[in-house]
Structure formats: structure tokens, C-alpha cells
PDB file of all heavy atoms in Angstrom:
ATOM      1  N   VAL A   1      88.186  68.122  98.131  1.00  0.00           N
ATOM      2  CA  VAL A   1      88.353  68.279  96.705  1.00  0.00           C
ATOM      3  C   VAL A   1      89.768  67.791  96.294  1.00  0.00           C
ATOM      4  O   VAL A   1      90.761  68.200  96.893  1.00  0.00           O
ATOM      5  CB  VAL A   1      88.199  69.782  96.329  1.00  0.00           C
ATOM      6  CG1 VAL A   1      88.395  69.972  94.825  1.00  0.00           C
ATOM      7  CG2 VAL A   1      86.826  70.297  96.771  1.00  0.00           C
ATOM      8  N   SER A   2      89.815  66.979  95.292  1.00  0.00           N
ATOM      9  CA  SER A   2      91.131  66.510  94.782  1.00  0.00           C
ATOM     10  C   SER A   2      91.631  67.209  93.547  1.00  0.00           C
ATOM     11  O   SER A   2      92.800  67.178  93.267  1.00  0.00           O
ATOM     12  CB  SER A   2      91.065  65.013  94.573  1.00  0.00           C
ATOM     13  OG  SER A   2      90.088  64.737  93.576  1.00  0.00           O
ATOM     14  N   ASP A   3      90.778  67.886  92.845  1.00  0.00           N
ATOM     15  CA  ASP A   3      91.140  68.575  91.561  1.00  0.00           C
ATOM     16  C   ASP A   3      91.882  69.868  91.903  1.00  0.00           C
ATOM     17  O   ASP A   3      91.310  70.791  92.546  1.00  0.00           O
ATOM     18  CB  ASP A   3      89.892  68.900  90.764  1.00  0.00           C
ATOM     19  CG  ASP A   3      90.160  69.515  89.401  1.00  0.00           C
ATOM     20  OD1 ASP A   3      91.346  69.771  89.111  1.00  0.00           O
ATOM     21  OD2 ASP A   3      89.233  69.717  88.642  1.00  0.00           O
ATOM     22  N   PRO A   4      93.129  70.011  91.475  1.00  0.00           N
ATOM     23  CA  PRO A   4      93.927  71.177  91.788  1.00  0.00           C
ATOM     24  C   PRO A   4      93.324  72.489  91.273  1.00  0.00           C
ATOM     25  O   PRO A   4      93.391  73.542  91.922  1.00  0.00           O
ATOM     26  CB  PRO A   4      95.275  70.942  91.143  1.00  0.00           C
ATOM     27  CG  PRO A   4      95.373  69.486  90.895  1.00  0.00           C
ATOM     28  CD  PRO A   4      93.962  69.008  90.791  1.00  0.00           C
ATOM     29  N   GLU A   5      92.689  72.429  90.071  1.00  0.00           N
ATOM     30  CA  GLU A   5      92.081  73.635  89.525  1.00  0.00           C
ATOM     31  C   GLU A   5      90.881  74.119  90.367  1.00  0.00           C
ATOM     32  O   GLU A   5      90.739  75.338  90.617  1.00  0.00           O
ATOM     33  CB  GLU A   5      91.609  73.308  88.076  1.00  0.00           C
ATOM     34  CG  GLU A   5      91.182  74.606  87.344  1.00  0.00           C
ATOM     35  CD  GLU A   5      90.860  74.277  85.855  1.00  0.00           C
ATOM     36  OE1 GLU A   5      91.615  73.590  85.234  1.00  0.00           O
ATOM     37  OE2 GLU A   5      89.804  74.774  85.379  1.00  0.00           O
ATOM     38  N   VAL A   6      90.124  73.185  90.860  1.00  0.00           N
ATOM     39  CA  VAL A   6      89.002  73.530  91.681  1.00  0.00           C
ATOM     40  C   VAL A   6      89.517  74.051  93.087  1.00  0.00           C
ATOM     41  O   VAL A   6      88.940  75.011  93.622  1.00  0.00           O
ATOM     42  CB  VAL A   6      88.070  72.257  91.930  1.00  0.00           C
ATOM     43  CG1 VAL A   6      86.982  72.566  92.954  1.00  0.00           C
ATOM     44  CG2 VAL A   6      87.452  71.853  90.625  1.00  0.00           C
ATOM     45  N   LEU A   7      90.583  73.504  93.531  1.00  0.00           N
ATOM     46  CA  LEU A   7      91.175  73.987  94.763  1.00  0.00           C
ATOM     47  C   LEU A   7      91.644  75.409  94.668  1.00  0.00           C
ATOM     48  O   LEU A   7      91.428  76.227  95.596  1.00  0.00           O
ATOM     49  CB  LEU A   7      92.388  73.118  95.209  1.00  0.00           C
ATOM     50  CG  LEU A   7      92.053  71.872  96.002  1.00  0.00           C
ATOM     51  CD1 LEU A   7      93.328  71.032  96.210  1.00  0.00           C
ATOM     52  CD2 LEU A   7      91.431  72.213  97.342  1.00  0.00           C
ATOM     53  N   VAL A   8      92.179  75.799  93.496  1.00  0.00           N
ATOM     54  CA  VAL A   8      92.610  77.175  93.261  1.00  0.00           C
ATOM     55  C   VAL A   8      91.399  78.097  93.337  1.00  0.00           C
ATOM     56  O   VAL A   8      91.419  79.132  93.942  1.00  0.00           O
ATOM     57  CB  VAL A   8      93.402  77.316  91.902  1.00  0.00           C
ATOM     58  CG1 VAL A   8      93.574  78.783  91.558  1.00  0.00           C
ATOM     59  CG2 VAL A   8      94.749  76.600  92.017  1.00  0.00           C
ATOM     60  N   ARG A   9      90.312  77.695  92.620  1.00  0.00           N
ATOM     61  CA  ARG A   9      89.065  78.509  92.634  1.00  0.00           C
ATOM     62  C   ARG A   9      88.501  78.618  94.030  1.00  0.00           C
ATOM     63  O   ARG A   9      88.080  79.713  94.429  1.00  0.00           O
ATOM     64  CB  ARG A   9      88.067  77.875  91.649  1.00  0.00           C
ATOM     65  CG  ARG A   9      88.432  78.120  90.231  1.00  0.00           C
ATOM     66  CD  ARG A   9      87.260  77.738  89.302  1.00  0.00           C
ATOM     67  NE  ARG A   9      87.752  77.638  87.945  1.00  0.00           N
ATOM     68  CZ  ARG A   9      87.558  76.610  87.174  1.00  0.00           C
ATOM     69  NH1 ARG A   9      86.859  75.582  87.579  1.00  0.00           N
ATOM     70  NH2 ARG A   9      88.023  76.589  85.928  1.00  0.00           N
ATOM     71  N   LEU A  10      88.486  77.503  94.730  1.00  0.00           N
ATOM     72  CA  LEU A  10      87.960  77.536  96.075  1.00  0.00           C
ATOM     73  C   LEU A  10      88.863  78.386  96.957  1.00  0.00           C
ATOM     74  O   LEU A  10      88.379  79.004  97.943  1.00  0.00           O
ATOM     75  CB  LEU A  10      87.854  76.149  96.639  1.00  0.00           C
ATOM     76  CG  LEU A  10      86.683  75.299  96.041  1.00  0.00           C
ATOM     77  CD1 LEU A  10      86.762  73.894  96.620  1.00  0.00           C
ATOM     78  CD2 LEU A  10      85.363  75.908  96.365  1.00  0.00           C
ATOM     79  N   GLY A  11      90.166  78.448  96.693  1.00  0.00           N
ATOM     80  CA  GLY A  11      91.059  79.309  97.429  1.00  0.00           C
ATOM     81  C   GLY A  11      90.708  80.744  97.306  1.00  0.00           C
ATOM     82  O   GLY A  11      90.718  81.544  98.261  1.00  0.00           O
ATOM     83  N   MET A  12      90.294  81.139  96.094  1.00  0.00           N
ATOM     84  CA  MET A  12      89.850  82.531  95.878  1.00  0.00           C
ATOM     85  C   MET A  12      88.543  82.794  96.585  1.00  0.00           C
ATOM     86  O   MET A  12      88.366  83.816  97.241  1.00  0.00           O
ATOM     87  CB  MET A  12      89.683  82.814  94.361  1.00  0.00           C
ATOM     88  CG  MET A  12      91.018  82.909  93.633  1.00  0.00           C
ATOM     89  SD  MET A  12      90.833  83.449  91.908  1.00  0.00           S
ATOM     90  CE  MET A  12      90.161  81.925  91.194  1.00  0.00           C
ATOM     91  N   VAL A  13      87.649  81.860  96.528  1.00  0.00           N
ATOM     92  CA  VAL A  13      86.362  81.986  97.252  1.00  0.00           C
ATOM     93  C   VAL A  13      86.639  82.057  98.762  1.00  0.00           C
ATOM     94  O   VAL A  13      86.034  82.863  99.481  1.00  0.00           O
ATOM     95  CB  VAL A  13      85.421  80.788  96.934  1.00  0.00           C
ATOM     96  CG1 VAL A  13      84.175  80.833  97.846  1.00  0.00           C
ATOM     97  CG2 VAL A  13      85.013  80.879  95.442  1.00  0.00           C
ATOM     98  N   LYS A  14      87.601  81.277  99.235  1.00  0.00           N
ATOM     99  CA  LYS A  14      87.950  81.292 100.632  1.00  0.00           C
ATOM    100  C   LYS A  14      88.486  82.666 101.004  1.00  0.00           C
ATOM    101  O   LYS A  14      88.158  83.203 102.066  1.00  0.00           O
ATOM    102  CB  LYS A  14      89.026  80.200 100.870  1.00  0.00           C
ATOM    103  CG  LYS A  14      89.508  80.145 102.301  1.00  0.00           C
ATOM    104  CD  LYS A  14      90.585  79.081 102.447  1.00  0.00           C
ATOM    105  CE  LYS A  14      91.918  79.742 102.117  1.00  0.00           C
ATOM    106  NZ  LYS A  14      93.036  78.997 102.643  1.00  0.00           N
ATOM    107  N   GLY A  15      89.277  83.298 100.137  1.00  0.00           N
ATOM    108  CA  GLY A  15      89.759  84.631 100.439  1.00  0.00           C
ATOM    109  C   GLY A  15      88.711  85.659 100.542  1.00  0.00           C
ATOM    110  O   GLY A  15      88.667  86.506 101.474  1.00  0.00           O
ATOM    111  N   VAL A  16      87.732  85.572  99.613  1.00  0.00           N
ATOM    112  CA  VAL A  16      86.592  86.515  99.663  1.00  0.00           C
ATOM    113  C   VAL A  16      85.758  86.265 100.896  1.00  0.00           C
ATOM    114  O   VAL A  16      85.329  87.160 101.563  1.00  0.00           O
ATOM    115  CB  VAL A  16      85.763  86.370  98.346  1.00  0.00           C
ATOM    116  CG1 VAL A  16      84.468  87.164  98.482  1.00  0.00           C
ATOM    117  CG2 VAL A  16      86.557  86.844  97.167  1.00  0.00           C
ATOM    118  N   GLY A  17      85.563  85.014 101.208  1.00  0.00           N
ATOM    119  CA  GLY A  17      84.814  84.645 102.430  1.00  0.00           C
ATOM    120  C   GLY A  17      85.513  85.154 103.655  1.00  0.00           C
ATOM    121  O   GLY A  17      84.872  85.635 104.571  1.00  0.00           O
ATOM    122  N   PHE A  18      86.840  85.008 103.704  1.00  0.00           N
ATOM    123  CA  PHE A  18      87.614  85.539 104.819  1.00  0.00           C
ATOM    124  C   PHE A  18      87.359  87.013 105.017  1.00  0.00           C
ATOM    125  O   PHE A  18      87.132  87.507 106.133  1.00  0.00           O
ATOM    126  CB  PHE A  18      89.083  85.260 104.628  1.00  0.00           C
ATOM    127  CG  PHE A  18      89.945  85.828 105.672  1.00  0.00           C
ATOM    128  CD1 PHE A  18      90.112  85.201 106.882  1.00  0.00           C
ATOM    129  CD2 PHE A  18      90.680  87.018 105.448  1.00  0.00           C
ATOM    130  CE1 PHE A  18      90.918  85.751 107.869  1.00  0.00           C
ATOM    131  CE2 PHE A  18      91.512  87.562 106.422  1.00  0.00           C
ATOM    132  CZ  PHE A  18      91.617  86.891 107.653  1.00  0.00           C
ATOM    133  N   ILE A  19      87.449  87.788 103.952  1.00  0.00           N
ATOM    134  CA  ILE A  19      87.188  89.222 104.040  1.00  0.00           C
ATOM    135  C   ILE A  19      85.791  89.502 104.581  1.00  0.00           C
ATOM    136  O   ILE A  19      85.586  90.316 105.444  1.00  0.00           O
ATOM    137  CB  ILE A  19      87.412  89.922 102.646  1.00  0.00           C
ATOM    138  CG1 ILE A  19      88.922  89.861 102.312  1.00  0.00           C
ATOM    139  CG2 ILE A  19      86.940  91.358 102.681  1.00  0.00           C
ATOM    140  CD1 ILE A  19      89.228  90.201 100.909  1.00  0.00           C
ATOM    141  N   GLY A  20      84.808  88.814 104.029  1.00  0.00           N
ATOM    142  CA  GLY A  20      83.445  89.001 104.466  1.00  0.00           C
ATOM    143  C   GLY A  20      83.209  88.643 105.917  1.00  0.00           C
ATOM    144  O   GLY A  20      82.568  89.370 106.689  1.00  0.00           O
ATOM    145  N   VAL A  21      83.685  87.475 106.306  1.00  0.00           N
ATOM    146  CA  VAL A  21      83.510  86.991 107.654  1.00  0.00           C
ATOM    147  C   VAL A  21      84.269  87.897 108.688  1.00  0.00           C
ATOM    148  O   VAL A  21      83.680  88.305 109.667  1.00  0.00           O
ATOM    149  CB  VAL A  21      83.962  85.532 107.838  1.00  0.00           C
ATOM    150  CG1 VAL A  21      84.033  85.109 109.295  1.00  0.00           C
ATOM    151  CG2 VAL A  21      83.027  84.597 107.045  1.00  0.00           C
ATOM    152  N   THR A  22      85.469  88.238 108.406  1.00  0.00           N
ATOM    153  CA  THR A  22      86.248  89.015 109.390  1.00  0.00           C
ATOM    154  C   THR A  22      85.750  90.473 109.383  1.00  0.00           C
ATOM    155  O   THR A  22      85.728  91.078 110.408  1.00  0.00           O
ATOM    156  CB  THR A  22      87.759  88.977 109.092  1.00  0.00           C
ATOM    157  OG1 THR A  22      87.994  89.375 107.742  1.00  0.00           O
ATOM    158  CG2 THR A  22      88.296  87.579 109.314  1.00  0.00           C
ATOM    159  N   GLY A  23      85.301  90.973 108.229  1.00  0.00           N
ATOM    160  CA  GLY A  23      84.765  92.326 108.282  1.00  0.00           C
ATOM    161  C   GLY A  23      83.474  92.379 109.085  1.00  0.00           C
ATOM    162  O   GLY A  23      83.282  93.307 109.843  1.00  0.00           O
ATOM    163  N   THR A  24      82.633  91.391 108.929  1.00  0.00           N
ATOM    164  CA  THR A  24      81.421  91.351 109.728  1.00  0.00           C
ATOM    165  C   THR A  24      81.761  91.202 111.169  1.00  0.00           C
ATOM    166  O   THR A  24      81.144  91.794 112.080  1.00  0.00           O
ATOM    167  CB  THR A  24      80.549  90.154 109.243  1.00  0.00           C
ATOM    168  OG1 THR A  24      80.236  90.336 107.831  1.00  0.00           O
ATOM    169  CG2 THR A  24      79.250  90.057 109.971  1.00  0.00           C
ATOM    170  N   PHE A  25      82.696  90.339 111.478  1.00  0.00           N
ATOM    171  CA  PHE A  25      83.168  90.095 112.833  1.00  0.00           C
ATOM    172  C   PHE A  25      83.660  91.405 113.498  1.00  0.00           C
ATOM    173  O   PHE A  25      83.229  91.753 114.602  1.00  0.00           O
ATOM    174  CB  PHE A  25      84.256  89.036 112.818  1.00  0.00           C
ATOM    175  CG  PHE A  25      84.940  88.807 114.121  1.00  0.00           C
ATOM    176  CD1 PHE A  25      84.342  88.012 115.105  1.00  0.00           C
ATOM    177  CD2 PHE A  25      86.181  89.350 114.377  1.00  0.00           C
ATOM    178  CE1 PHE A  25      84.951  87.805 116.354  1.00  0.00           C
ATOM    179  CE2 PHE A  25      86.809  89.132 115.594  1.00  0.00           C
ATOM    180  CZ  PHE A  25      86.221  88.371 116.570  1.00  0.00           C
ATOM    181  N   LEU A  26      84.513  92.135 112.752  1.00  0.00           N
ATOM    182  CA  LEU A  26      85.001  93.398 113.277  1.00  0.00           C
ATOM    183  C   LEU A  26      83.892  94.401 113.485  1.00  0.00           C
ATOM    184  O   LEU A  26      83.926  95.129 114.478  1.00  0.00           O
ATOM    185  CB  LEU A  26      86.061  93.988 112.316  1.00  0.00           C
ATOM    186  CG  LEU A  26      87.397  93.272 112.368  1.00  0.00           C
ATOM    187  CD1 LEU A  26      88.320  93.831 111.269  1.00  0.00           C
ATOM    188  CD2 LEU A  26      88.080  93.504 113.734  1.00  0.00           C
ATOM    189  N   PHE A  27      82.936  94.416 112.604  1.00  0.00           N
ATOM    190  CA  PHE A  27      81.803  95.343 112.694  1.00  0.00           C
ATOM    191  C   PHE A  27      81.111  95.100 114.075  1.00  0.00           C
ATOM    192  O   PHE A  27      80.815  96.011 114.837  1.00  0.00           O
ATOM    193  CB  PHE A  27      80.845  95.238 111.554  1.00  0.00           C
ATOM    194  CG  PHE A  27      79.535  95.943 111.778  1.00  0.00           C
ATOM    195  CD1 PHE A  27      79.478  97.299 111.628  1.00  0.00           C
ATOM    196  CD2 PHE A  27      78.419  95.240 112.204  1.00  0.00           C
ATOM    197  CE1 PHE A  27      78.302  98.002 111.871  1.00  0.00           C
ATOM    198  CE2 PHE A  27      77.239  95.888 112.387  1.00  0.00           C
ATOM    199  CZ  PHE A  27      77.140  97.243 112.230  1.00  0.00           C
ATOM    200  N   PHE A  28      80.749  93.865 114.335  1.00  0.00           N
ATOM    201  CA  PHE A  28      79.978  93.567 115.574  1.00  0.00           C
ATOM    202  C   PHE A  28      80.788  93.772 116.824  1.00  0.00           C
ATOM    203  O   PHE A  28      80.252  94.256 117.833  1.00  0.00           O
ATOM    204  CB  PHE A  28      79.431  92.131 115.509  1.00  0.00           C
ATOM    205  CG  PHE A  28      78.223  92.111 114.592  1.00  0.00           C
ATOM    206  CD1 PHE A  28      78.303  91.399 113.405  1.00  0.00           C
ATOM    207  CD2 PHE A  28      77.021  92.685 114.912  1.00  0.00           C
ATOM    208  CE1 PHE A  28      77.199  91.273 112.528  1.00  0.00           C
ATOM    209  CE2 PHE A  28      75.921  92.632 114.078  1.00  0.00           C
ATOM    210  CZ  PHE A  28      76.030  91.926 112.869  1.00  0.00           C
ATOM    211  N   VAL A  29      82.077  93.418 116.784  1.00  0.00           N
ATOM    212  CA  VAL A  29      82.947  93.650 117.966  1.00  0.00           C
ATOM    213  C   VAL A  29      83.125  95.147 118.251  1.00  0.00           C
ATOM    214  O   VAL A  29      82.936  95.599 119.379  1.00  0.00           O
ATOM    215  CB  VAL A  29      84.328  92.995 117.778  1.00  0.00           C
ATOM    216  CG1 VAL A  29      85.297  93.439 118.834  1.00  0.00           C
ATOM    217  CG2 VAL A  29      84.177  91.474 117.784  1.00  0.00           C
ATOM    218  N   LEU A  30      83.384  95.908 117.205  1.00  0.00           N
ATOM    219  CA  LEU A  30      83.586  97.340 117.408  1.00  0.00           C
ATOM    220  C   LEU A  30      82.282  98.041 117.788  1.00  0.00           C
ATOM    221  O   LEU A  30      82.278  98.936 118.606  1.00  0.00           O
ATOM    222  CB  LEU A  30      84.143  97.988 116.106  1.00  0.00           C
ATOM    223  CG  LEU A  30      85.597  97.575 115.862  1.00  0.00           C
ATOM    224  CD1 LEU A  30      86.048  98.114 114.461  1.00  0.00           C
ATOM    225  CD2 LEU A  30      86.520  98.073 116.916  1.00  0.00           C
ATOM    226  N   ARG A  31      81.137  97.605 117.243  1.00  0.00           N
ATOM    227  CA  ARG A  31      79.856  98.172 117.593  1.00  0.00           C
ATOM    228  C   ARG A  31      79.546  97.941 119.055  1.00  0.00           C
ATOM    229  O   ARG A  31      79.113  98.803 119.794  1.00  0.00           O
ATOM    230  CB  ARG A  31      78.712  97.568 116.725  1.00  0.00           C
ATOM    231  CG  ARG A  31      77.402  98.243 117.007  1.00  0.00           C
ATOM    232  CD  ARG A  31      76.314  97.659 116.087  1.00  0.00           C
ATOM    233  NE  ARG A  31      76.018  96.315 116.512  1.00  0.00           N
ATOM    234  CZ  ARG A  31      74.970  95.641 116.163  1.00  0.00           C
ATOM    235  NH1 ARG A  31      74.152  96.150 115.231  1.00  0.00           N
ATOM    236  NH2 ARG A  31      74.716  94.431 116.631  1.00  0.00           N
ATOM    237  N   ARG A  32      79.833  96.713 119.523  1.00  0.00           N
ATOM    238  CA  ARG A  32      79.609  96.416 120.940  1.00  0.00           C
ATOM    239  C   ARG A  32      80.512  97.310 121.846  1.00  0.00           C
ATOM    240  O   ARG A  32      80.045  97.850 122.854  1.00  0.00           O
ATOM    241  CB  ARG A  32      79.949  94.970 121.225  1.00  0.00           C
ATOM    242  CG  ARG A  32      79.619  94.517 122.655  1.00  0.00           C
ATOM    243  CD  ARG A  32      80.162  93.169 122.969  1.00  0.00           C
ATOM    244  NE  ARG A  32      81.617  93.215 123.058  1.00  0.00           N
ATOM    245  CZ  ARG A  32      82.409  92.229 122.815  1.00  0.00           C
ATOM    246  NH1 ARG A  32      81.947  91.027 122.478  1.00  0.00           N
ATOM    247  NH2 ARG A  32      83.720  92.394 122.867  1.00  0.00           N
ATOM    248  N   GLU A  33      81.771  97.472 121.429  1.00  0.00           N
ATOM    249  CA  GLU A  33      82.692  98.266 122.272  1.00  0.00           C
ATOM    250  C   GLU A  33      82.254  99.728 122.267  1.00  0.00           C
ATOM    251  O   GLU A  33      82.278 100.386 123.242  1.00  0.00           O
ATOM    252  CB  GLU A  33      84.118  98.109 121.742  1.00  0.00           C
ATOM    253  CG  GLU A  33      84.727  96.758 121.993  1.00  0.00           C
ATOM    254  CD  GLU A  33      84.850  96.406 123.438  1.00  0.00           C
ATOM    255  OE1 GLU A  33      84.964  97.265 124.281  1.00  0.00           O
ATOM    256  OE2 GLU A  33      84.859  95.165 123.725  1.00  0.00           O
TER     257      GLU A  33
END
């Protein structure tokens, strides 16, 4: 993406995705342990 405004929006989506992915990751790792 070359549009700076779209990059900012995608950065927010990336942050939400990070929380979702890492939260799910932690859930499965801790459940296994």
C-alpha cells in the first residue's frame, strides 16, 4: 500500500490483529501446559 492514510488504518487493524493472534496463541500454549 502506498497511500499513507490507508497505511495508518491498516496499522490499527494490524494492532487489533496482533492482540487477537497473540491472545489466541497464549490461550493454546497455556492450555497445553
